[in-house]
Amino acid sequence: MTIEIFPILKTPPKARTPKKYLSSNLAASSRLGNHLFELSALLSMSRKLNRMPTFFIQDEHHDQMIKDTDFLIPGLVDHFLIINQSLPISIIPTEFHMKCCIWDDPEKLMKIEDEYLHIQGTHFQSWKYFPRMRNELISYLKKPKNEFKDLPKSNDTHSITCVHIRRTDFVGSGFHSPDKYFILSAMKFVEETEKQRRNLNMTFVFFGDDLKFMEDLLGEEYVLRDGTKRNLKNESYISKDDPQDTILYSSSNCDVVLFTAPHSTFGWWLGYLSKGNQVYYTDIRVVADVSVPSLTLYPDDYYPPHWTPIKSDKFDNTTIIETLK
């Protein structure tokens, strides 16, 4: 099937342009974390299928999606053929990846010969769609103009642990967001674990959507096993940067990432694109989160295998332990 279209806004270099095309339904009204999943997955699948990744600007949400993504990671967007038009009705969507966070094998699409392959699923929240692309994606990030003068910098003697907290739209929604007691215990666990791996001074930086909750955390303290008292007011920071600058800060400074709301896509990308690639997260299998019982998320598909899931010890709620996979 050959279709004569389109008002093209942007086309990749011709030397690498296949003669067939891959596009998808997109959750364009969602946030940056979802955009990164969708475009990264489409780029990787297009290579496997020898197709050109294609983005249809179907409405104002798609327009904003491509702008927000391009502002953070222009090298990713540069790979896409961008068409200022809705999907033509003559292109029939192909059923694929019908659940947000369960990997579907692109091999099943290999035998489709149509010039325009438009797949029906959205979100593509699985690292398995782009398993060897982390370094490439980091290289596509824009160079930050923000010097982050109000935040600490990672170096050979000083480690930065970035803690992501998502609450405003998660609390009461069915998606798990832990309380401050779990977060403090998790921070203690991460610090003690990381000190065994790299004996460096550690500073925490909080990122999140509930400023008052994070400010309240700064009034807390905890004691490490060796007797060291950690006063968070004196040894922690709160970032007030926008999402794009937050990712850029992480890529240069976050040696360790702890994301506490286990189905936060932004927390996921904060870890995935972080400097240290050392990531801890609340084990979604042992908390009240709608994603697992609704069978829309398989943890092994969503979380990379080298990341560390943590949970409360069933014998002592104030103690955090690593979950055995």
C-alpha atoms as a PDB file:
ATOM      1  CA  MET A   1       0.000   0.000   0.000  1.00  0.00           C
ATOM      2  CA  THR A   2       1.404   3.354  -1.039  1.00  0.00           C
ATOM      3  CA  ILE A   3      -0.182   6.526   0.278  1.00  0.00           C
ATOM      4  CA  GLU A   4       0.510   9.980  -0.990  1.00  0.00           C
ATOM      5  CA  ILE A   5       0.871  12.300   1.963  1.00  0.00           C
ATOM      6  CA  PHE A   6       2.019  14.579   3.961  1.00  0.00           C
ATOM      7  CA  PRO A   7       3.073  18.047   5.087  1.00  0.00           C
ATOM      8  CA  ILE A   8       6.489  17.079   6.463  1.00  0.00           C
ATOM      9  CA  LEU A   9       7.936  19.300   9.188  1.00  0.00           C
ATOM     10  CA  LYS A  10      11.204  17.479   9.756  1.00  0.00           C
ATOM     11  CA  THR A  11      12.996  14.587   8.104  1.00  0.00           C
ATOM     12  CA  PRO A  12      16.102  12.677   9.272  1.00  0.00           C
ATOM     13  CA  PRO A  13      19.273  12.469   7.150  1.00  0.00           C
ATOM     14  CA  LYS A  14      18.473  10.733   3.844  1.00  0.00           C
ATOM     15  CA  ALA A  15      21.441   8.384   4.006  1.00  0.00           C
ATOM     16  CA  ARG A  16      19.750   6.512   6.851  1.00  0.00           C
ATOM     17  CA  THR A  17      16.161   6.709   5.640  1.00  0.00           C
ATOM     18  CA  PRO A  18      14.386   3.353   5.082  1.00  0.00           C
ATOM     19  CA  LYS A  19      11.498   3.184   2.608  1.00  0.00           C
ATOM     20  CA  LYS A  20       8.960   1.921   5.129  1.00  0.00           C
ATOM     21  CA  TYR A  21       7.543   3.685   8.162  1.00  0.00           C
ATOM     22  CA  LEU A  22       6.657   2.922  11.778  1.00  0.00           C
ATOM     23  CA  SER A  23       4.316   5.016  13.903  1.00  0.00           C
ATOM     24  CA  SER A  24       2.090   4.415  16.891  1.00  0.00           C
ATOM     25  CA  ASN A  25      -0.789   5.645  18.944  1.00  0.00           C
ATOM     26  CA  LEU A  26       0.703   7.878  21.621  1.00  0.00           C
ATOM     27  CA  ALA A  27      -0.337   8.981  25.103  1.00  0.00           C
ATOM     28  CA  ALA A  28       0.476  12.507  23.998  1.00  0.00           C
ATOM     29  CA  SER A  29      -1.459  14.212  26.794  1.00  0.00           C
ATOM     30  CA  SER A  30       0.703  12.443  29.403  1.00  0.00           C
ATOM     31  CA  ARG A  31       3.937  13.784  30.883  1.00  0.00           C
ATOM     32  CA  LEU A  32       7.608  13.744  29.949  1.00  0.00           C
ATOM     33  CA  GLY A  33       8.382  10.292  31.389  1.00  0.00           C
ATOM     34  CA  ASN A  34       5.774   8.693  29.142  1.00  0.00           C
ATOM     35  CA  HIS A  35       7.061  10.627  26.126  1.00  0.00           C
ATOM     36  CA  LEU A  36      10.561   9.269  26.671  1.00  0.00           C
ATOM     37  CA  PHE A  37       9.300   5.685  26.897  1.00  0.00           C
ATOM     38  CA  GLU A  38       7.265   5.968  23.710  1.00  0.00           C
ATOM     39  CA  LEU A  39       9.833   7.660  21.499  1.00  0.00           C
ATOM     40  CA  SER A  40      12.756   5.542  22.734  1.00  0.00           C
ATOM     41  CA  ALA A  41      10.771   2.358  22.108  1.00  0.00           C
ATOM     42  CA  LEU A  42       9.664   3.475  18.650  1.00  0.00           C
ATOM     43  CA  LEU A  43      13.208   4.370  17.628  1.00  0.00           C
ATOM     44  CA  SER A  44      14.561   1.013  18.793  1.00  0.00           C
ATOM     45  CA  MET A  45      11.742  -0.986  17.166  1.00  0.00           C
ATOM     46  CA  SER A  46      12.095   0.934  13.918  1.00  0.00           C
ATOM     47  CA  ARG A  47      15.713  -0.161  13.685  1.00  0.00           C
ATOM     48  CA  LYS A  48      14.770  -3.773  14.288  1.00  0.00           C
ATOM     49  CA  LEU A  49      12.037  -3.567  11.640  1.00  0.00           C
ATOM     50  CA  ASN A  50      14.143  -1.473   9.225  1.00  0.00           C
ATOM     51  CA  ARG A  51      11.547   1.298   9.175  1.00  0.00           C
ATOM     52  CA  MET A  52      11.598   5.052   9.607  1.00  0.00           C
ATOM     53  CA  PRO A  53      10.204   6.154  13.001  1.00  0.00           C
ATOM     54  CA  THR A  54       7.376   8.547  12.237  1.00  0.00           C
ATOM     55  CA  PHE A  55       5.503  11.045  14.402  1.00  0.00           C
ATOM     56  CA  PHE A  56       2.105  12.410  13.370  1.00  0.00           C
ATOM     57  CA  ILE A  57       1.159  15.741  14.949  1.00  0.00           C
ATOM     58  CA  GLN A  58      -2.513  14.869  15.331  1.00  0.00           C
ATOM     59  CA  ASP A  59      -3.516  17.619  17.778  1.00  0.00           C
ATOM     60  CA  GLU A  60      -2.160  20.168  20.243  1.00  0.00           C
ATOM     61  CA  HIS A  61      -1.134  17.418  22.673  1.00  0.00           C
ATOM     62  CA  HIS A  62       1.116  15.805  20.067  1.00  0.00           C
ATOM     63  CA  ASP A  63       2.537  19.201  19.203  1.00  0.00           C
ATOM     64  CA  GLN A  64       3.381  19.871  22.854  1.00  0.00           C
ATOM     65  CA  MET A  65       4.760  16.353  23.302  1.00  0.00           C
ATOM     66  CA  ILE A  66       7.313  16.759  20.527  1.00  0.00           C
ATOM     67  CA  LYS A  67       8.282  20.236  21.764  1.00  0.00           C
ATOM     68  CA  ASP A  68       8.767  19.106  25.383  1.00  0.00           C
ATOM     69  CA  THR A  69      10.807  16.086  24.322  1.00  0.00           C
ATOM     70  CA  ASP A  70      12.912  18.065  21.865  1.00  0.00           C
ATOM     71  CA  PHE A  71      13.691  20.611  24.587  1.00  0.00           C
ATOM     72  CA  LEU A  72      15.289  17.847  26.699  1.00  0.00           C
ATOM     73  CA  ILE A  73      16.646  15.309  24.240  1.00  0.00           C
ATOM     74  CA  PRO A  74      16.853  16.739  20.715  1.00  0.00           C
ATOM     75  CA  GLY A  75      19.063  13.912  19.473  1.00  0.00           C
ATOM     76  CA  LEU A  76      16.212  11.460  20.008  1.00  0.00           C
ATOM     77  CA  VAL A  77      13.661  13.599  18.181  1.00  0.00           C
ATOM     78  CA  ASP A  78      16.106  14.091  15.285  1.00  0.00           C
ATOM     79  CA  HIS A  79      15.605  10.455  14.270  1.00  0.00           C
ATOM     80  CA  PHE A  80      11.883  10.937  13.582  1.00  0.00           C
ATOM     81  CA  LEU A  81      10.059  11.877  10.435  1.00  0.00           C
ATOM     82  CA  ILE A  82       7.636  14.482  11.785  1.00  0.00           C
ATOM     83  CA  ILE A  83       4.400  14.981   9.866  1.00  0.00           C
ATOM     84  CA  ASN A  84       2.009  17.828  10.583  1.00  0.00           C
ATOM     85  CA  GLN A  85      -1.137  15.823   9.990  1.00  0.00           C
ATOM     86  CA  SER A  86      -3.401  13.253  11.591  1.00  0.00           C
ATOM     87  CA  LEU A  87      -2.977   9.619  10.704  1.00  0.00           C
ATOM     88  CA  PRO A  88      -4.728   9.029   7.336  1.00  0.00           C
ATOM     89  CA  ILE A  89      -7.816   6.854   7.663  1.00  0.00           C
ATOM     90  CA  SER A  90      -6.414   4.555   4.976  1.00  0.00           C
ATOM     91  CA  ILE A  91      -3.730   3.345   7.435  1.00  0.00           C
ATOM     92  CA  ILE A  92      -5.235   0.581   9.560  1.00  0.00           C
ATOM     93  CA  PRO A  93      -3.634   0.278  13.040  1.00  0.00           C
ATOM     94  CA  THR A  94      -2.030  -3.050  13.952  1.00  0.00           C
ATOM     95  CA  GLU A  95      -2.728  -4.464  17.405  1.00  0.00           C
ATOM     96  CA  PHE A  96       0.492  -4.526  19.430  1.00  0.00           C
ATOM     97  CA  HIS A  97       1.496  -3.723  23.028  1.00  0.00           C
ATOM     98  CA  MET A  98      -2.025  -3.334  24.375  1.00  0.00           C
ATOM     99  CA  LYS A  99      -0.988  -3.009  28.045  1.00  0.00           C
ATOM    100  CA  CYS A 100       1.144  -0.089  29.178  1.00  0.00           C
ATOM    101  CA  CYS A 101       3.903  -1.907  31.006  1.00  0.00           C
ATOM    102  CA  ILE A 102       4.138  -5.415  29.582  1.00  0.00           C
ATOM    103  CA  TRP A 103       6.692  -6.023  26.854  1.00  0.00           C
ATOM    104  CA  ASP A 104       5.423  -7.305  23.520  1.00  0.00           C
ATOM    105  CA  ASP A 105       7.897  -8.928  21.140  1.00  0.00           C
ATOM    106  CA  PRO A 106       8.484  -6.765  18.001  1.00  0.00           C
ATOM    107  CA  GLU A 107       9.449  -9.942  16.144  1.00  0.00           C
ATOM    108  CA  LYS A 108       5.744 -10.516  15.511  1.00  0.00           C
ATOM    109  CA  LEU A 109       5.741  -7.369  13.339  1.00  0.00           C
ATOM    110  CA  MET A 110       8.595  -8.480  11.093  1.00  0.00           C
ATOM    111  CA  LYS A 111       6.417 -10.114   8.433  1.00  0.00           C
ATOM    112  CA  ILE A 112       4.155  -7.101   7.912  1.00  0.00           C
ATOM    113  CA  GLU A 113       4.960  -5.693   4.470  1.00  0.00           C
ATOM    114  CA  ASP A 114       2.761  -2.566   4.496  1.00  0.00           C
ATOM    115  CA  GLU A 115       4.627   0.611   3.699  1.00  0.00           C
ATOM    116  CA  TYR A 116       3.056   2.357   6.712  1.00  0.00           C
ATOM    117  CA  LEU A 117       2.910   0.289   9.901  1.00  0.00           C
ATOM    118  CA  HIS A 118       0.965   2.036  12.648  1.00  0.00           C
ATOM    119  CA  ILE A 119       0.759   0.114  15.910  1.00  0.00           C
ATOM    120  CA  GLN A 120      -2.161   0.485  18.248  1.00  0.00           C
ATOM    121  CA  GLY A 121      -0.577   0.419  21.715  1.00  0.00           C
ATOM    122  CA  THR A 122       0.656   3.317  23.837  1.00  0.00           C
ATOM    123  CA  HIS A 123       3.118   4.042  26.665  1.00  0.00           C
ATOM    124  CA  PHE A 124       5.665   1.230  25.913  1.00  0.00           C
ATOM    125  CA  GLN A 125       6.841   1.254  29.517  1.00  0.00           C
ATOM    126  CA  SER A 126       9.466  -1.465  29.356  1.00  0.00           C
ATOM    127  CA  TRP A 127      13.251  -1.251  29.250  1.00  0.00           C
ATOM    128  CA  LYS A 128      13.156  -4.329  27.005  1.00  0.00           C
ATOM    129  CA  TYR A 129      12.160  -2.200  24.011  1.00  0.00           C
ATOM    130  CA  PHE A 130      15.517  -0.365  24.154  1.00  0.00           C
ATOM    131  CA  PRO A 131      17.816  -2.673  26.146  1.00  0.00           C
ATOM    132  CA  ARG A 132      21.179  -1.365  24.913  1.00  0.00           C
ATOM    133  CA  MET A 133      20.387   2.283  24.282  1.00  0.00           C
ATOM    134  CA  ARG A 134      21.135   3.943  27.629  1.00  0.00           C
ATOM    135  CA  ASN A 135      24.476   5.484  26.659  1.00  0.00           C
ATOM    136  CA  GLU A 136      23.102   6.517  23.270  1.00  0.00           C
ATOM    137  CA  LEU A 137      20.095   8.235  24.841  1.00  0.00           C
ATOM    138  CA  ILE A 138      22.314  10.068  27.327  1.00  0.00           C
ATOM    139  CA  SER A 139      24.401  11.329  24.414  1.00  0.00           C
ATOM    140  CA  TYR A 140      21.251  12.826  22.862  1.00  0.00           C
ATOM    141  CA  LEU A 141      20.484  15.035  25.877  1.00  0.00           C
ATOM    142  CA  LYS A 142      20.917  18.746  25.320  1.00  0.00           C
ATOM    143  CA  LYS A 143      23.782  20.573  27.012  1.00  0.00           C
ATOM    144  CA  PRO A 144      22.365  22.254  30.132  1.00  0.00           C
ATOM    145  CA  LYS A 145      22.331  26.032  30.353  1.00  0.00           C
ATOM    146  CA  ASN A 146      21.403  25.793  34.026  1.00  0.00           C
ATOM    147  CA  GLU A 147      24.544  25.741  36.197  1.00  0.00           C
ATOM    148  CA  PHE A 148      22.581  24.380  39.186  1.00  0.00           C
ATOM    149  CA  LYS A 149      24.255  26.843  41.546  1.00  0.00           C
ATOM    150  CA  ASP A 150      21.819  25.997  44.358  1.00  0.00           C
ATOM    151  CA  LEU A 151      22.510  22.246  44.223  1.00  0.00           C
ATOM    152  CA  PRO A 152      25.589  20.172  45.154  1.00  0.00           C
ATOM    153  CA  LYS A 153      27.849  18.640  42.509  1.00  0.00           C
ATOM    154  CA  SER A 154      29.084  15.078  42.316  1.00  0.00           C
ATOM    155  CA  ASN A 155      32.853  14.496  42.322  1.00  0.00           C
ATOM    156  CA  ASP A 156      35.462  11.898  43.250  1.00  0.00           C
ATOM    157  CA  THR A 157      35.083  12.492  46.981  1.00  0.00           C
ATOM    158  CA  HIS A 158      31.422  13.470  47.221  1.00  0.00           C
ATOM    159  CA  SER A 159      28.446  11.297  46.228  1.00  0.00           C
ATOM    160  CA  ILE A 160      24.982  12.642  45.425  1.00  0.00           C
ATOM    161  CA  THR A 161      21.894  10.533  46.118  1.00  0.00           C
ATOM    162  CA  CYS A 162      18.803  11.859  44.348  1.00  0.00           C
ATOM    163  CA  VAL A 163      15.470  11.034  45.978  1.00  0.00           C
ATOM    164  CA  HIS A 164      12.338  11.329  43.851  1.00  0.00           C
ATOM    165  CA  ILE A 165       8.921  11.700  45.496  1.00  0.00           C
ATOM    166  CA  ARG A 166       5.608  11.766  43.638  1.00  0.00           C
ATOM    167  CA  ARG A 167       2.483  12.488  45.624  1.00  0.00           C
ATOM    168  CA  THR A 168       0.011  15.056  44.286  1.00  0.00           C
ATOM    169  CA  ASP A 169      -1.716  12.864  41.702  1.00  0.00           C
ATOM    170  CA  PHE A 170      -0.774   9.475  43.204  1.00  0.00           C
ATOM    171  CA  VAL A 171      -2.100   9.700  46.779  1.00  0.00           C
ATOM    172  CA  GLY A 172      -5.575   8.193  46.759  1.00  0.00           C
ATOM    173  CA  SER A 173      -5.399   7.250  43.078  1.00  0.00           C
ATOM    174  CA  GLY A 174      -4.457   3.589  43.409  1.00  0.00           C
ATOM    175  CA  PHE A 175      -0.794   4.242  42.621  1.00  0.00           C
ATOM    176  CA  HIS A 176       1.478   3.786  45.635  1.00  0.00           C
ATOM    177  CA  SER A 177       3.245   6.755  47.211  1.00  0.00           C
ATOM    178  CA  PRO A 178       5.003   5.909  50.500  1.00  0.00           C
ATOM    179  CA  ASP A 179       4.875   7.930  53.707  1.00  0.00           C
ATOM    180  CA  LYS A 180       7.799   9.832  55.173  1.00  0.00           C
ATOM    181  CA  TYR A 181       8.748   7.015  57.547  1.00  0.00           C
ATOM    182  CA  PHE A 182       9.369   4.592  54.698  1.00  0.00           C
ATOM    183  CA  ILE A 183      11.294   7.243  52.757  1.00  0.00           C
ATOM    184  CA  LEU A 184      13.560   8.047  55.713  1.00  0.00           C
ATOM    185  CA  SER A 185      14.218   4.359  56.374  1.00  0.00           C
ATOM    186  CA  ALA A 186      14.903   3.832  52.669  1.00  0.00           C
ATOM    187  CA  MET A 187      17.396   6.714  52.642  1.00  0.00           C
ATOM    188  CA  LYS A 188      19.174   5.189  55.620  1.00  0.00           C
ATOM    189  CA  PHE A 189      19.298   1.797  53.876  1.00  0.00           C
ATOM    190  CA  VAL A 190      20.655   3.311  50.665  1.00  0.00           C
ATOM    191  CA  GLU A 191      23.328   5.299  52.484  1.00  0.00           C
ATOM    192  CA  GLU A 192      24.547   2.317  54.506  1.00  0.00           C
ATOM    193  CA  THR A 193      24.548   0.070  51.432  1.00  0.00           C
ATOM    194  CA  GLU A 194      26.377   2.589  49.268  1.00  0.00           C
ATOM    195  CA  LYS A 195      29.012   3.293  51.927  1.00  0.00           C
ATOM    196  CA  GLN A 196      30.000  -0.368  51.723  1.00  0.00           C
ATOM    197  CA  ARG A 197      30.446   0.021  47.971  1.00  0.00           C
ATOM    198  CA  ARG A 198      32.039   3.490  47.856  1.00  0.00           C
ATOM    199  CA  ASN A 199      33.095   5.099  51.118  1.00  0.00           C
ATOM    200  CA  LEU A 200      32.310   8.692  50.109  1.00  0.00           C
ATOM    201  CA  ASN A 201      30.570  11.604  51.756  1.00  0.00           C
ATOM    202  CA  MET A 202      26.923  11.520  50.693  1.00  0.00           C
ATOM    203  CA  THR A 203      24.472  14.367  50.189  1.00  0.00           C
ATOM    204  CA  PHE A 204      20.774  13.979  49.364  1.00  0.00           C
ATOM    205  CA  VAL A 205      18.832  16.028  46.832  1.00  0.00           C
ATOM    206  CA  PHE A 206      15.033  15.788  46.835  1.00  0.00           C
ATOM    207  CA  PHE A 207      12.964  16.061  43.666  1.00  0.00           C
ATOM    208  CA  GLY A 208       9.204  15.935  43.611  1.00  0.00           C
ATOM    209  CA  ASP A 209       5.804  17.513  43.174  1.00  0.00           C
ATOM    210  CA  ASP A 210       4.941  18.213  46.844  1.00  0.00           C
ATOM    211  CA  LEU A 211       7.190  20.974  48.153  1.00  0.00           C
ATOM    212  CA  LYS A 212       5.730  21.058  51.661  1.00  0.00           C
ATOM    213  CA  PHE A 213       6.172  17.287  52.072  1.00  0.00           C
ATOM    214  CA  MET A 214       9.835  17.601  51.077  1.00  0.00           C
ATOM    215  CA  GLU A 215      10.374  20.609  53.334  1.00  0.00           C
ATOM    216  CA  ASP A 216       8.945  18.600  56.244  1.00  0.00           C
ATOM    217  CA  LEU A 217      11.447  15.839  55.505  1.00  0.00           C
ATOM    218  CA  LEU A 218      14.274  18.329  56.047  1.00  0.00           C
ATOM    219  CA  GLY A 219      13.205  18.539  59.684  1.00  0.00           C
ATOM    220  CA  GLU A 220      13.923  14.829  60.191  1.00  0.00           C
ATOM    221  CA  GLU A 221      17.050  12.918  61.162  1.00  0.00           C
ATOM    222  CA  TYR A 222      18.207   9.319  61.468  1.00  0.00           C
ATOM    223  CA  VAL A 223      21.142   7.423  62.934  1.00  0.00           C
ATOM    224  CA  LEU A 224      23.353   5.090  60.894  1.00  0.00           C
ATOM    225  CA  ARG A 225      24.612   1.749  62.207  1.00  0.00           C
ATOM    226  CA  ASP A 226      27.989   3.277  63.071  1.00  0.00           C
ATOM    227  CA  GLY A 227      26.307   5.880  65.282  1.00  0.00           C
ATOM    228  CA  THR A 228      26.548   8.769  62.806  1.00  0.00           C
ATOM    229  CA  LYS A 229      23.573  11.096  63.149  1.00  0.00           C
ATOM    230  CA  ARG A 230      22.192  12.439  59.878  1.00  0.00           C
ATOM    231  CA  ASN A 231      20.435  15.777  60.179  1.00  0.00           C
ATOM    232  CA  LEU A 232      18.697  16.287  56.846  1.00  0.00           C
ATOM    233  CA  LYS A 233      18.275  20.024  57.316  1.00  0.00           C
ATOM    234  CA  ASN A 234      22.043  20.482  57.194  1.00  0.00           C
ATOM    235  CA  GLU A 235      22.871  17.752  54.685  1.00  0.00           C
ATOM    236  CA  SER A 236      20.111  17.801  52.067  1.00  0.00           C
ATOM    237  CA  TYR A 237      18.755  20.007  49.301  1.00  0.00           C
ATOM    238  CA  ILE A 238      15.438  20.446  47.534  1.00  0.00           C
ATOM    239  CA  SER A 239      15.468  20.994  43.796  1.00  0.00           C
ATOM    240  CA  LYS A 240      12.924  23.412  42.353  1.00  0.00           C
ATOM    241  CA  ASP A 241      14.024  22.940  38.755  1.00  0.00           C
ATOM    242  CA  ASP A 242      11.677  22.015  35.901  1.00  0.00           C
ATOM    243  CA  PRO A 243      11.481  18.399  34.668  1.00  0.00           C
ATOM    244  CA  GLN A 244      13.944  18.889  31.793  1.00  0.00           C
ATOM    245  CA  ASP A 245      16.615  20.470  34.012  1.00  0.00           C
ATOM    246  CA  THR A 246      16.008  17.792  36.651  1.00  0.00           C
ATOM    247  CA  ILE A 247      16.893  15.054  34.141  1.00  0.00           C
ATOM    248  CA  LEU A 248      19.965  17.018  33.023  1.00  0.00           C
ATOM    249  CA  TYR A 249      21.113  17.439  36.624  1.00  0.00           C
ATOM    250  CA  SER A 250      20.679  13.706  37.205  1.00  0.00           C
ATOM    251  CA  SER A 251      22.729  12.799  34.144  1.00  0.00           C
ATOM    252  CA  SER A 252      25.696  14.770  35.493  1.00  0.00           C
ATOM    253  CA  ASN A 253      25.372  14.497  39.267  1.00  0.00           C
ATOM    254  CA  CYS A 254      23.095  11.718  40.558  1.00  0.00           C
ATOM    255  CA  ASP A 255      25.459   8.909  41.560  1.00  0.00           C
ATOM    256  CA  VAL A 256      22.529   7.083  43.154  1.00  0.00           C
ATOM    257  CA  VAL A 257      18.793   7.438  42.600  1.00  0.00           C
ATOM    258  CA  LEU A 258      16.005   6.363  44.944  1.00  0.00           C
ATOM    259  CA  PHE A 259      12.548   6.714  43.443  1.00  0.00           C
ATOM    260  CA  THR A 260       9.917   6.091  46.041  1.00  0.00           C
ATOM    261  CA  ALA A 261       6.657   5.951  44.038  1.00  0.00           C
ATOM    262  CA  PRO A 262       7.309   2.727  42.128  1.00  0.00           C
ATOM    263  CA  HIS A 263       5.181   3.535  39.087  1.00  0.00           C
ATOM    264  CA  SER A 264       6.435   7.064  38.572  1.00  0.00           C
ATOM    265  CA  THR A 265       7.702   7.171  34.988  1.00  0.00           C
ATOM    266  CA  PHE A 266       9.611  10.370  35.712  1.00  0.00           C
ATOM    267  CA  GLY A 267      11.338   8.730  38.690  1.00  0.00           C
ATOM    268  CA  TRP A 268      12.169   5.812  36.391  1.00  0.00           C
ATOM    269  CA  TRP A 269      13.879   8.100  33.846  1.00  0.00           C
ATOM    270  CA  LEU A 270      15.621  10.065  36.583  1.00  0.00           C
ATOM    271  CA  GLY A 271      17.311   6.773  37.440  1.00  0.00           C
ATOM    272  CA  TYR A 272      17.792   5.430  33.928  1.00  0.00           C
ATOM    273  CA  LEU A 273      19.593   8.542  32.680  1.00  0.00           C
ATOM    274  CA  SER A 274      21.497   9.183  35.910  1.00  0.00           C
ATOM    275  CA  LYS A 275      25.251   9.580  36.150  1.00  0.00           C
ATOM    276  CA  GLY A 276      25.813   6.558  38.367  1.00  0.00           C
ATOM    277  CA  ASN A 277      23.165   4.155  37.024  1.00  0.00           C
ATOM    278  CA  GLN A 278      22.760   2.915  40.597  1.00  0.00           C
ATOM    279  CA  VAL A 279      19.018   2.817  41.240  1.00  0.00           C
ATOM    280  CA  TYR A 280      16.829   1.785  44.181  1.00  0.00           C
ATOM    281  CA  TYR A 281      13.021   1.702  44.091  1.00  0.00           C
ATOM    282  CA  THR A 282      10.081   0.692  46.273  1.00  0.00           C
ATOM    283  CA  ASP A 283       9.150  -2.895  45.432  1.00  0.00           C
ATOM    284  CA  ILE A 284       5.790  -2.547  43.689  1.00  0.00           C
ATOM    285  CA  ARG A 285       4.958  -6.204  44.357  1.00  0.00           C
ATOM    286  CA  VAL A 286       4.574  -5.735  48.113  1.00  0.00           C
ATOM    287  CA  VAL A 287       2.669  -2.440  48.286  1.00  0.00           C
ATOM    288  CA  ALA A 288      -0.897  -1.454  47.474  1.00  0.00           C
ATOM    289  CA  ASP A 289      -0.499  -0.378  43.859  1.00  0.00           C
ATOM    290  CA  VAL A 290      -3.188  -1.052  41.301  1.00  0.00           C
ATOM    291  CA  SER A 291      -0.720  -1.751  38.479  1.00  0.00           C
ATOM    292  CA  VAL A 292       0.233  -5.324  39.419  1.00  0.00           C
ATOM    293  CA  PRO A 293      -3.175  -6.817  40.367  1.00  0.00           C
ATOM    294  CA  SER A 294      -4.747  -5.215  37.282  1.00  0.00           C
ATOM    295  CA  LEU A 295      -2.196  -7.140  35.183  1.00  0.00           C
ATOM    296  CA  THR A 296      -1.037  -4.024  33.356  1.00  0.00           C
ATOM    297  CA  LEU A 297       2.539  -4.138  34.692  1.00  0.00           C
ATOM    298  CA  TYR A 298       5.051  -6.974  34.918  1.00  0.00           C
ATOM    299  CA  PRO A 299       7.885  -5.888  37.235  1.00  0.00           C
ATOM    300  CA  ASP A 300      10.532  -7.772  35.228  1.00  0.00           C
ATOM    301  CA  ASP A 301       9.465  -5.876  32.109  1.00  0.00           C
ATOM    302  CA  TYR A 302       9.317  -2.479  33.791  1.00  0.00           C
ATOM    303  CA  TYR A 303      12.423  -2.422  36.022  1.00  0.00           C
ATOM    304  CA  PRO A 304      15.912  -3.166  34.628  1.00  0.00           C
ATOM    305  CA  PRO A 305      17.375  -6.262  36.298  1.00  0.00           C
ATOM    306  CA  HIS A 306      20.360  -4.519  37.904  1.00  0.00           C
ATOM    307  CA  TRP A 307      18.151  -2.043  39.805  1.00  0.00           C
ATOM    308  CA  THR A 308      17.504  -2.794  43.482  1.00  0.00           C
ATOM    309  CA  PRO A 309      13.930  -3.228  44.831  1.00  0.00           C
ATOM    310  CA  ILE A 310      13.488  -2.475  48.521  1.00  0.00           C
ATOM    311  CA  LYS A 311      10.704  -3.094  51.031  1.00  0.00           C
ATOM    312  CA  SER A 312       9.926  -2.912  54.743  1.00  0.00           C
ATOM    313  CA  ASP A 313      11.040  -5.891  56.793  1.00  0.00           C
ATOM    314  CA  LYS A 314       7.877  -7.791  57.726  1.00  0.00           C
ATOM    315  CA  PHE A 315       9.205  -8.235  61.263  1.00  0.00           C
ATOM    316  CA  ASP A 316      10.144  -4.579  61.741  1.00  0.00           C
ATOM    317  CA  ASN A 317       8.391  -1.855  59.764  1.00  0.00           C
ATOM    318  CA  THR A 318      11.163   0.664  60.473  1.00  0.00           C
ATOM    319  CA  THR A 319      13.807  -1.500  58.759  1.00  0.00           C
ATOM    320  CA  ILE A 320      14.263  -1.581  55.010  1.00  0.00           C
ATOM    321  CA  ILE A 321      15.648  -4.606  53.230  1.00  0.00           C
ATOM    322  CA  GLU A 322      16.505  -5.472  49.655  1.00  0.00           C
ATOM    323  CA  THR A 323      13.936  -7.711  47.998  1.00  0.00           C
ATOM    324  CA  LEU A 324      15.304 -10.942  46.594  1.00  0.00           C
ATOM    325  CA  LYS A 325      14.235 -11.314  42.971  1.00  0.00           C
END
